[in-house]
């Protein structure tokens, strides 16, 4: 290793020494690790979100709005989209719009204003072949009311809370 002199303000030096003691390492090791982590972060920046360009989304929303609004089932929505050269595919816990038949991913359905959950509730069924069955069970189960987290009396829709203080 090579020597490198570093001048720190007193409060930063104290904080460095305290953090090093807490980690059971030397202040020099702490600084080396922090610099190495920062240099790695700069060399490999975080992935950008997989979001569509807003210039693409606007025209797609307009083009497909009537199809999303008029479709009464997954099959009808699929047919309407395919007629215009698009298809929905499972993407994680949601859906993504792809060009059809090429299969090029264009955007998430939610970016068009149509989340997978909202479409499931609307059609009363999960997206055909969607692997996340727990989403459908949670969103479509109208038989079992959600568990109550608070049973302290009062109106269930009451947003106020009570504070209990010691006398």
N, C-alpha and C. Protein backbone atom coordinates (compact mmCIF):
# COMPACT_ATOMS: atom_id res chain seq x y z
N UNK A 1 0.84 -1.18 0.00
CA UNK A 1 0.00 0.00 0.00
C UNK A 1 0.88 1.23 0.00
N UNK A 2 0.32 2.29 -0.54
CA UNK A 2 1.03 3.56 -0.54
C UNK A 2 0.43 4.48 0.50
N UNK A 3 1.24 5.34 1.01
CA UNK A 3 0.79 6.29 2.00
C UNK A 3 0.00 7.40 1.31
N UNK A 4 -1.08 7.81 1.99
CA UNK A 4 -1.92 8.89 1.47
C UNK A 4 -2.41 9.69 2.67
N UNK A 5 -1.97 10.94 2.75
CA UNK A 5 -2.39 11.79 3.87
C UNK A 5 -3.75 12.40 3.56
N UNK A 6 -4.58 12.38 4.55
CA UNK A 6 -5.94 12.88 4.39
C UNK A 6 -6.25 13.81 5.55
N UNK A 7 -6.71 15.00 5.25
CA UNK A 7 -7.09 15.96 6.29
C UNK A 7 -8.60 15.96 6.39
N UNK A 8 -9.10 15.79 7.63
CA UNK A 8 -10.54 15.74 7.88
C UNK A 8 -10.92 16.79 8.91
N UNK A 9 -12.11 17.35 8.77
CA UNK A 9 -12.61 18.23 9.83
C UNK A 9 -12.76 17.40 11.11
N UNK A 10 -12.62 18.04 12.27
CA UNK A 10 -12.68 17.29 13.55
C UNK A 10 -13.93 16.45 13.72
N UNK A 11 -15.09 16.96 13.35
CA UNK A 11 -16.32 16.18 13.55
C UNK A 11 -16.36 14.95 12.64
N UNK A 12 -15.84 15.06 11.43
CA UNK A 12 -15.80 13.91 10.53
C UNK A 12 -14.77 12.89 11.02
N UNK A 13 -13.66 13.36 11.55
CA UNK A 13 -12.65 12.44 12.09
C UNK A 13 -13.23 11.66 13.28
N UNK A 14 -13.93 12.37 14.20
CA UNK A 14 -14.54 11.69 15.35
C UNK A 14 -15.58 10.66 14.90
N UNK A 15 -16.39 11.03 13.92
CA UNK A 15 -17.41 10.11 13.42
C UNK A 15 -16.76 8.88 12.76
N UNK A 16 -15.65 9.10 12.05
CA UNK A 16 -14.93 8.00 11.41
C UNK A 16 -14.37 7.06 12.46
N UNK A 17 -13.75 7.62 13.48
CA UNK A 17 -13.18 6.79 14.54
C UNK A 17 -14.27 6.02 15.28
N UNK A 18 -15.38 6.67 15.54
CA UNK A 18 -16.49 6.00 16.24
C UNK A 18 -17.05 4.85 15.39
N UNK A 19 -17.25 5.09 14.09
CA UNK A 19 -17.77 4.04 13.21
C UNK A 19 -16.78 2.88 13.10
N UNK A 20 -15.50 3.20 13.05
CA UNK A 20 -14.47 2.16 12.97
C UNK A 20 -14.47 1.31 14.23
N UNK A 21 -14.57 1.96 15.40
CA UNK A 21 -14.63 1.21 16.66
C UNK A 21 -15.85 0.29 16.69
N UNK A 22 -16.98 0.80 16.24
CA UNK A 22 -18.21 0.01 16.24
C UNK A 22 -18.09 -1.20 15.32
N UNK A 23 -17.33 -1.04 14.23
CA UNK A 23 -17.14 -2.14 13.28
C UNK A 23 -15.93 -3.00 13.63
N UNK A 24 -15.20 -2.61 14.67
CA UNK A 24 -14.01 -3.32 15.12
C UNK A 24 -12.95 -3.40 14.02
N UNK A 25 -12.76 -2.26 13.35
CA UNK A 25 -11.71 -2.14 12.33
C UNK A 25 -10.99 -0.82 12.55
N UNK A 26 -9.90 -0.63 11.85
CA UNK A 26 -9.16 0.63 11.99
C UNK A 26 -9.84 1.72 11.18
N UNK A 27 -9.63 2.98 11.55
CA UNK A 27 -10.18 4.07 10.73
C UNK A 27 -9.70 3.99 9.28
N UNK A 28 -8.45 3.58 9.09
CA UNK A 28 -7.93 3.43 7.72
C UNK A 28 -8.71 2.39 6.94
N UNK A 29 -9.02 1.23 7.58
CA UNK A 29 -9.82 0.19 6.91
C UNK A 29 -11.21 0.72 6.57
N UNK A 30 -11.80 1.46 7.48
CA UNK A 30 -13.13 2.01 7.24
C UNK A 30 -13.11 2.94 6.02
N UNK A 31 -12.12 3.80 5.97
CA UNK A 31 -12.02 4.74 4.84
C UNK A 31 -11.75 3.99 3.55
N UNK A 32 -10.85 2.99 3.57
CA UNK A 32 -10.56 2.21 2.36
C UNK A 32 -11.82 1.50 1.86
N UNK A 33 -12.57 0.90 2.78
CA UNK A 33 -13.80 0.20 2.38
C UNK A 33 -14.83 1.17 1.81
N UNK A 34 -14.97 2.32 2.44
CA UNK A 34 -15.94 3.31 1.95
C UNK A 34 -15.55 3.80 0.56
N UNK A 35 -14.26 4.07 0.36
CA UNK A 35 -13.80 4.52 -0.97
C UNK A 35 -14.00 3.42 -2.00
N UNK A 36 -13.65 2.18 -1.65
CA UNK A 36 -13.81 1.07 -2.59
C UNK A 36 -15.29 0.90 -2.98
N UNK A 37 -16.19 0.98 -2.00
CA UNK A 37 -17.61 0.84 -2.28
C UNK A 37 -18.11 1.96 -3.19
N UNK A 38 -17.65 3.18 -2.93
CA UNK A 38 -18.07 4.30 -3.77
C UNK A 38 -17.53 4.17 -5.18
N UNK A 39 -16.29 3.73 -5.33
CA UNK A 39 -15.72 3.56 -6.67
C UNK A 39 -16.42 2.45 -7.44
N UNK A 40 -16.80 1.35 -6.75
CA UNK A 40 -17.58 0.29 -7.40
C UNK A 40 -18.93 0.83 -7.85
N UNK A 41 -19.58 1.60 -7.00
CA UNK A 41 -20.89 2.17 -7.35
C UNK A 41 -20.78 3.06 -8.57
N UNK A 42 -19.72 3.85 -8.64
CA UNK A 42 -19.54 4.76 -9.78
C UNK A 42 -19.22 4.00 -11.06
N UNK A 43 -18.48 2.89 -10.93
CA UNK A 43 -18.11 2.10 -12.11
C UNK A 43 -19.29 1.31 -12.66
N UNK A 44 -20.20 0.91 -11.79
CA UNK A 44 -21.37 0.12 -12.18
C UNK A 44 -22.61 0.82 -11.66
N UNK A 45 -23.05 1.86 -12.35
CA UNK A 45 -24.22 2.59 -11.83
C UNK A 45 -25.45 1.70 -11.75
N UNK A 46 -26.35 2.09 -10.88
CA UNK A 46 -27.59 1.33 -10.70
C UNK A 46 -28.33 1.22 -12.02
N UNK A 47 -29.04 0.11 -12.16
CA UNK A 47 -29.83 -0.07 -13.36
C UNK A 47 -30.92 0.99 -13.41
N UNK A 48 -31.16 1.49 -14.58
CA UNK A 48 -32.26 2.44 -14.73
C UNK A 48 -33.56 1.66 -14.70
N UNK A 49 -34.63 2.28 -14.21
CA UNK A 49 -35.89 1.56 -14.17
C UNK A 49 -36.33 1.18 -15.57
N UNK A 50 -36.99 0.05 -15.66
CA UNK A 50 -37.46 -0.44 -16.95
C UNK A 50 -38.78 0.24 -17.29
N UNK A 51 -38.68 1.53 -17.56
CA UNK A 51 -39.87 2.33 -17.84
C UNK A 51 -39.85 2.76 -19.30
N UNK A 52 -41.03 2.82 -19.87
CA UNK A 52 -41.15 3.24 -21.26
C UNK A 52 -41.00 4.75 -21.36
N UNK A 53 -40.61 5.19 -22.53
CA UNK A 53 -40.48 6.61 -22.82
C UNK A 53 -41.87 7.25 -22.86
N UNK A 54 -42.03 8.38 -22.22
CA UNK A 54 -43.34 9.05 -22.18
C UNK A 54 -43.82 9.41 -23.59
N UNK A 55 -42.91 9.64 -24.51
CA UNK A 55 -43.30 9.96 -25.89
C UNK A 55 -43.94 8.75 -26.58
N UNK A 56 -43.61 7.54 -26.13
CA UNK A 56 -44.24 6.34 -26.64
C UNK A 56 -45.57 6.08 -25.93
N UNK A 57 -45.60 6.35 -24.63
CA UNK A 57 -46.79 6.03 -23.83
C UNK A 57 -48.02 6.84 -24.25
N UNK A 58 -47.85 8.12 -24.49
CA UNK A 58 -48.99 8.96 -24.85
C UNK A 58 -49.76 8.43 -26.05
N UNK A 59 -49.09 8.23 -27.19
CA UNK A 59 -49.81 7.69 -28.35
C UNK A 59 -50.39 6.29 -28.12
N UNK A 60 -49.67 5.45 -27.37
CA UNK A 60 -50.21 4.11 -27.08
C UNK A 60 -51.48 4.20 -26.24
N UNK A 61 -51.48 5.08 -25.24
CA UNK A 61 -52.68 5.25 -24.41
C UNK A 61 -53.89 5.64 -25.27
N UNK A 62 -53.66 6.59 -26.17
CA UNK A 62 -54.76 7.05 -27.04
C UNK A 62 -55.20 5.94 -27.98
N UNK A 63 -54.24 5.27 -28.59
CA UNK A 63 -54.55 4.22 -29.56
C UNK A 63 -55.32 3.06 -28.94
N UNK A 64 -54.98 2.71 -27.71
CA UNK A 64 -55.56 1.51 -27.09
C UNK A 64 -56.65 1.79 -26.06
N UNK A 65 -56.93 3.04 -25.78
CA UNK A 65 -57.90 3.40 -24.74
C UNK A 65 -59.27 2.76 -24.99
N UNK A 66 -59.78 2.86 -26.20
CA UNK A 66 -61.10 2.31 -26.52
C UNK A 66 -61.11 0.79 -26.35
N UNK A 67 -60.02 0.13 -26.70
CA UNK A 67 -59.95 -1.33 -26.57
C UNK A 67 -59.97 -1.76 -25.11
N UNK A 68 -59.18 -1.08 -24.28
CA UNK A 68 -59.18 -1.41 -22.85
C UNK A 68 -60.55 -1.10 -22.24
N UNK A 69 -61.19 -0.01 -22.68
CA UNK A 69 -62.48 0.38 -22.11
C UNK A 69 -63.61 -0.54 -22.54
N UNK A 70 -63.59 -1.00 -23.77
CA UNK A 70 -64.71 -1.78 -24.31
C UNK A 70 -64.62 -3.27 -24.02
N UNK A 71 -63.43 -3.81 -23.83
CA UNK A 71 -63.28 -5.25 -23.64
C UNK A 71 -63.96 -5.69 -22.36
N UNK A 72 -64.70 -6.81 -22.43
CA UNK A 72 -65.44 -7.33 -21.29
C UNK A 72 -64.82 -8.62 -20.72
N UNK A 73 -63.71 -9.07 -21.33
CA UNK A 73 -63.05 -10.29 -20.85
C UNK A 73 -61.60 -10.25 -21.33
N UNK A 74 -60.80 -11.15 -20.74
CA UNK A 74 -59.41 -11.25 -21.17
C UNK A 74 -59.35 -11.65 -22.64
N UNK A 75 -60.22 -12.57 -23.06
CA UNK A 75 -60.21 -13.02 -24.46
C UNK A 75 -60.53 -11.88 -25.40
N UNK A 76 -61.52 -11.06 -25.03
CA UNK A 76 -61.89 -9.94 -25.89
C UNK A 76 -60.76 -8.91 -25.93
N UNK A 77 -60.15 -8.62 -24.80
CA UNK A 77 -59.03 -7.67 -24.78
C UNK A 77 -57.87 -8.20 -25.62
N UNK A 78 -57.58 -9.48 -25.49
CA UNK A 78 -56.50 -10.08 -26.28
C UNK A 78 -56.78 -9.95 -27.77
N UNK A 79 -58.00 -10.24 -28.19
CA UNK A 79 -58.36 -10.14 -29.61
C UNK A 79 -58.26 -8.70 -30.11
N UNK A 80 -58.74 -7.75 -29.31
CA UNK A 80 -58.69 -6.34 -29.71
C UNK A 80 -57.24 -5.86 -29.86
N UNK A 81 -56.40 -6.24 -28.89
CA UNK A 81 -55.00 -5.81 -28.95
C UNK A 81 -54.28 -6.46 -30.13
N UNK A 82 -54.51 -7.73 -30.34
CA UNK A 82 -53.84 -8.43 -31.45
C UNK A 82 -54.24 -7.84 -32.79
N UNK A 83 -55.49 -7.41 -32.91
CA UNK A 83 -55.95 -6.80 -34.16
C UNK A 83 -55.16 -5.53 -34.48
N UNK A 84 -54.61 -4.90 -33.47
CA UNK A 84 -53.82 -3.68 -33.67
C UNK A 84 -52.32 -3.95 -33.60
N UNK A 85 -51.94 -5.23 -33.44
CA UNK A 85 -50.52 -5.57 -33.44
C UNK A 85 -49.86 -5.53 -32.07
N UNK A 86 -50.64 -5.80 -31.02
CA UNK A 86 -50.11 -5.79 -29.65
C UNK A 86 -50.58 -7.02 -28.89
N UNK A 87 -49.90 -7.31 -27.80
CA UNK A 87 -50.29 -8.43 -26.94
C UNK A 87 -49.82 -8.15 -25.52
N UNK A 88 -50.57 -8.66 -24.56
CA UNK A 88 -50.16 -8.57 -23.16
C UNK A 88 -49.44 -9.86 -22.78
N UNK A 89 -48.37 -9.72 -21.99
CA UNK A 89 -47.62 -10.87 -21.48
C UNK A 89 -47.37 -10.65 -20.00
N UNK A 90 -47.27 -11.76 -19.28
CA UNK A 90 -46.92 -11.69 -17.86
C UNK A 90 -45.55 -11.06 -17.72
N UNK A 91 -45.42 -10.19 -16.71
CA UNK A 91 -44.14 -9.54 -16.43
C UNK A 91 -44.04 -9.37 -14.92
N UNK A 92 -43.33 -10.27 -14.26
CA UNK A 92 -43.24 -10.20 -12.81
C UNK A 92 -44.61 -10.44 -12.21
N UNK A 93 -45.05 -9.51 -11.37
CA UNK A 93 -46.37 -9.63 -10.78
C UNK A 93 -47.43 -8.91 -11.59
N UNK A 94 -47.08 -8.39 -12.74
CA UNK A 94 -48.03 -7.63 -13.54
C UNK A 94 -48.04 -8.06 -14.99
N UNK A 95 -48.39 -7.10 -15.85
CA UNK A 95 -48.47 -7.35 -17.28
C UNK A 95 -47.67 -6.31 -18.04
N UNK A 96 -47.17 -6.71 -19.20
CA UNK A 96 -46.46 -5.79 -20.07
C UNK A 96 -47.06 -5.88 -21.47
N UNK A 97 -47.06 -4.75 -22.16
CA UNK A 97 -47.55 -4.69 -23.53
C UNK A 97 -46.37 -4.95 -24.46
N UNK A 98 -46.57 -5.88 -25.40
CA UNK A 98 -45.54 -6.23 -26.38
C UNK A 98 -46.09 -6.02 -27.78
N UNK A 99 -45.20 -5.80 -28.74
CA UNK A 99 -45.63 -5.79 -30.13
C UNK A 99 -45.95 -7.24 -30.51
N UNK A 100 -46.92 -7.41 -31.39
CA UNK A 100 -47.30 -8.77 -31.81
C UNK A 100 -47.25 -8.85 -33.32
N UNK A 101 -46.59 -9.80 -33.89
CA UNK A 101 -46.06 -11.02 -33.30
C UNK A 101 -44.58 -10.94 -32.91
N UNK A 102 -43.94 -9.79 -33.08
CA UNK A 102 -42.50 -9.68 -32.83
C UNK A 102 -42.11 -9.96 -31.39
N UNK A 103 -42.96 -9.54 -30.44
CA UNK A 103 -42.68 -9.80 -29.04
C UNK A 103 -41.81 -8.76 -28.38
N UNK A 104 -41.62 -7.60 -28.98
CA UNK A 104 -40.81 -6.53 -28.40
C UNK A 104 -41.57 -5.87 -27.26
N UNK A 105 -40.95 -5.83 -26.08
CA UNK A 105 -41.60 -5.22 -24.91
C UNK A 105 -41.67 -3.72 -25.11
N UNK A 106 -42.86 -3.15 -24.94
CA UNK A 106 -43.06 -1.72 -25.14
C UNK A 106 -43.21 -0.96 -23.83
N UNK A 107 -44.03 -1.50 -22.91
CA UNK A 107 -44.27 -0.81 -21.65
C UNK A 107 -45.04 -1.74 -20.71
N UNK A 108 -45.18 -1.32 -19.48
CA UNK A 108 -46.02 -2.05 -18.53
C UNK A 108 -47.47 -1.62 -18.76
N UNK A 109 -48.39 -2.54 -18.55
CA UNK A 109 -49.81 -2.21 -18.69
C UNK A 109 -50.19 -1.11 -17.71
N UNK A 110 -49.58 -1.11 -16.53
CA UNK A 110 -49.89 -0.07 -15.54
C UNK A 110 -49.45 1.31 -16.02
N UNK A 111 -48.43 1.37 -16.87
CA UNK A 111 -48.00 2.66 -17.41
C UNK A 111 -49.04 3.21 -18.39
N UNK A 112 -49.88 2.33 -18.91
CA UNK A 112 -50.98 2.76 -19.77
C UNK A 112 -52.23 3.09 -18.96
N UNK A 113 -52.14 2.85 -17.64
CA UNK A 113 -53.28 3.14 -16.77
C UNK A 113 -54.13 1.92 -16.48
N UNK A 114 -53.62 0.73 -16.78
CA UNK A 114 -54.40 -0.49 -16.60
C UNK A 114 -53.55 -1.52 -15.86
N UNK A 115 -53.59 -1.48 -14.54
CA UNK A 115 -52.80 -2.43 -13.76
C UNK A 115 -53.39 -3.82 -13.88
N UNK A 116 -52.56 -4.80 -13.67
CA UNK A 116 -53.00 -6.20 -13.72
C UNK A 116 -54.12 -6.43 -12.70
N UNK A 117 -53.95 -5.90 -11.50
CA UNK A 117 -54.95 -6.08 -10.45
C UNK A 117 -56.30 -5.49 -10.83
N UNK A 118 -56.27 -4.29 -11.40
CA UNK A 118 -57.53 -3.65 -11.80
C UNK A 118 -58.21 -4.45 -12.91
N UNK A 119 -57.43 -4.96 -13.85
CA UNK A 119 -58.02 -5.76 -14.93
C UNK A 119 -58.56 -7.09 -14.39
N UNK A 120 -57.84 -7.70 -13.44
CA UNK A 120 -58.33 -8.94 -12.83
C UNK A 120 -59.68 -8.73 -12.16
N UNK A 121 -59.77 -7.64 -11.39
CA UNK A 121 -61.05 -7.36 -10.71
C UNK A 121 -62.14 -7.08 -11.74
N UNK A 122 -61.81 -6.37 -12.78
CA UNK A 122 -62.80 -6.02 -13.79
C UNK A 122 -63.33 -7.26 -14.52
N UNK A 123 -62.42 -8.17 -14.88
CA UNK A 123 -62.83 -9.36 -15.64
C UNK A 123 -63.20 -10.52 -14.72
N UNK A 124 -62.96 -10.37 -13.42
CA UNK A 124 -63.32 -11.41 -12.48
C UNK A 124 -62.50 -12.68 -12.62
N UNK A 125 -61.32 -12.56 -13.22
CA UNK A 125 -60.47 -13.74 -13.44
C UNK A 125 -59.03 -13.28 -13.59
N UNK A 126 -58.09 -14.16 -13.27
CA UNK A 126 -56.68 -13.81 -13.48
C UNK A 126 -56.33 -13.80 -14.97
N UNK A 127 -55.24 -13.15 -15.30
CA UNK A 127 -54.75 -13.18 -16.68
C UNK A 127 -54.45 -14.63 -17.04
N UNK A 128 -54.91 -15.10 -18.19
CA UNK A 128 -54.72 -16.51 -18.55
C UNK A 128 -53.23 -16.92 -18.50
N UNK A 129 -52.96 -17.94 -17.71
CA UNK A 129 -51.61 -18.46 -17.61
C UNK A 129 -50.69 -17.71 -16.68
N UNK A 130 -51.19 -16.71 -15.98
CA UNK A 130 -50.33 -15.93 -15.07
C UNK A 130 -49.87 -16.81 -13.93
N UNK A 131 -48.57 -16.77 -13.64
CA UNK A 131 -47.98 -17.66 -12.64
C UNK A 131 -48.26 -17.24 -11.20
N UNK A 132 -48.61 -16.00 -10.98
CA UNK A 132 -48.80 -15.50 -9.61
C UNK A 132 -50.25 -15.70 -9.17
N UNK A 133 -50.57 -16.94 -8.79
CA UNK A 133 -51.94 -17.28 -8.40
C UNK A 133 -52.36 -16.57 -7.11
N UNK A 134 -51.39 -16.28 -6.24
CA UNK A 134 -51.73 -15.62 -4.98
C UNK A 134 -52.33 -14.23 -5.21
N UNK A 135 -51.93 -13.57 -6.30
CA UNK A 135 -52.53 -12.25 -6.61
C UNK A 135 -54.01 -12.40 -6.92
N UNK A 136 -54.32 -13.37 -7.76
CA UNK A 136 -55.72 -13.59 -8.12
C UNK A 136 -56.52 -13.98 -6.89
N UNK A 137 -55.97 -14.85 -6.06
CA UNK A 137 -56.69 -15.27 -4.86
C UNK A 137 -56.97 -14.08 -3.96
N UNK A 138 -55.99 -13.21 -3.82
CA UNK A 138 -56.15 -12.05 -2.94
C UNK A 138 -57.12 -11.03 -3.54
N UNK A 139 -57.01 -10.78 -4.84
CA UNK A 139 -57.82 -9.74 -5.46
C UNK A 139 -59.25 -10.17 -5.77
N UNK A 140 -59.44 -11.45 -6.00
CA UNK A 140 -60.76 -11.91 -6.44
C UNK A 140 -61.57 -12.59 -5.35
N UNK A 141 -60.98 -12.85 -4.19
CA UNK A 141 -61.69 -13.53 -3.11
C UNK A 141 -62.62 -12.55 -2.41
N UNK A 142 -63.89 -12.63 -2.77
CA UNK A 142 -64.87 -11.74 -2.14
C UNK A 142 -65.64 -12.47 -1.05
N UNK A 143 -65.36 -13.75 -0.86
CA UNK A 143 -66.06 -14.52 0.16
C UNK A 143 -65.54 -14.20 1.56
N UNK A 144 -64.23 -14.05 1.68
CA UNK A 144 -63.62 -13.86 2.98
C UNK A 144 -63.25 -12.40 3.18
N UNK A 145 -63.81 -11.75 4.19
CA UNK A 145 -63.43 -10.36 4.41
C UNK A 145 -61.98 -10.29 4.87
N UNK A 146 -61.30 -9.18 4.59
CA UNK A 146 -59.92 -9.07 5.05
C UNK A 146 -59.87 -9.08 6.57
N UNK A 147 -58.79 -9.60 7.14
CA UNK A 147 -58.70 -9.66 8.60
C UNK A 147 -58.67 -8.26 9.19
N UNK A 148 -59.32 -8.11 10.33
CA UNK A 148 -59.30 -6.81 11.01
C UNK A 148 -58.03 -6.71 11.81
N UNK A 149 -57.33 -5.62 11.61
CA UNK A 149 -56.08 -5.42 12.31
C UNK A 149 -56.32 -4.83 13.70
N UNK A 150 -57.47 -4.18 13.89
CA UNK A 150 -57.76 -3.51 15.15
C UNK A 150 -59.16 -3.87 15.55
N UNK A 151 -59.32 -4.35 16.73
CA UNK A 151 -60.65 -4.67 17.22
C UNK A 151 -60.87 -3.96 18.54
N UNK A 152 -60.50 -2.70 18.57
CA UNK A 152 -60.59 -1.94 19.81
C UNK A 152 -61.89 -1.19 19.94
N UNK A 153 -62.90 -1.60 19.21
CA UNK A 153 -64.18 -0.91 19.28
C UNK A 153 -64.21 0.29 18.36
N UNK A 154 -65.31 0.94 18.32
CA UNK A 154 -65.45 2.12 17.47
C UNK A 154 -65.79 1.73 16.05
N UNK A 155 -65.96 2.72 15.23
CA UNK A 155 -66.33 2.54 13.84
C UNK A 155 -65.12 2.04 13.05
N UNK A 156 -65.30 1.00 12.26
CA UNK A 156 -64.19 0.43 11.49
C UNK A 156 -63.66 1.42 10.46
N UNK A 157 -64.52 2.35 10.01
CA UNK A 157 -64.09 3.32 9.02
C UNK A 157 -63.50 4.57 9.65
N UNK A 158 -63.46 4.60 10.95
CA UNK A 158 -62.95 5.77 11.67
C UNK A 158 -61.44 5.85 11.50
N UNK A 159 -60.96 6.96 10.93
CA UNK A 159 -59.53 7.13 10.71
C UNK A 159 -58.81 7.67 11.93
N UNK A 160 -59.55 8.07 12.95
CA UNK A 160 -58.93 8.62 14.15
C UNK A 160 -58.37 7.48 14.99
N UNK A 161 -57.39 7.78 15.78
CA UNK A 161 -56.85 6.80 16.70
C UNK A 161 -56.94 7.34 18.10
N UNK A 162 -56.84 6.44 19.05
CA UNK A 162 -56.91 6.84 20.44
C UNK A 162 -55.54 6.70 21.08
N UNK A 163 -55.17 7.67 21.86
CA UNK A 163 -53.93 7.61 22.58
C UNK A 163 -54.24 7.29 24.03
N UNK A 164 -53.58 6.28 24.56
CA UNK A 164 -53.79 5.88 25.95
C UNK A 164 -52.54 6.31 26.70
N UNK A 165 -52.73 7.18 27.64
CA UNK A 165 -51.60 7.69 28.40
C UNK A 165 -51.69 7.24 29.84
N UNK A 166 -50.53 7.06 30.46
CA UNK A 166 -50.48 6.73 31.89
C UNK A 166 -50.92 7.96 32.69
N UNK A 167 -51.68 7.72 33.76
CA UNK A 167 -52.12 8.84 34.61
C UNK A 167 -51.05 9.28 35.55
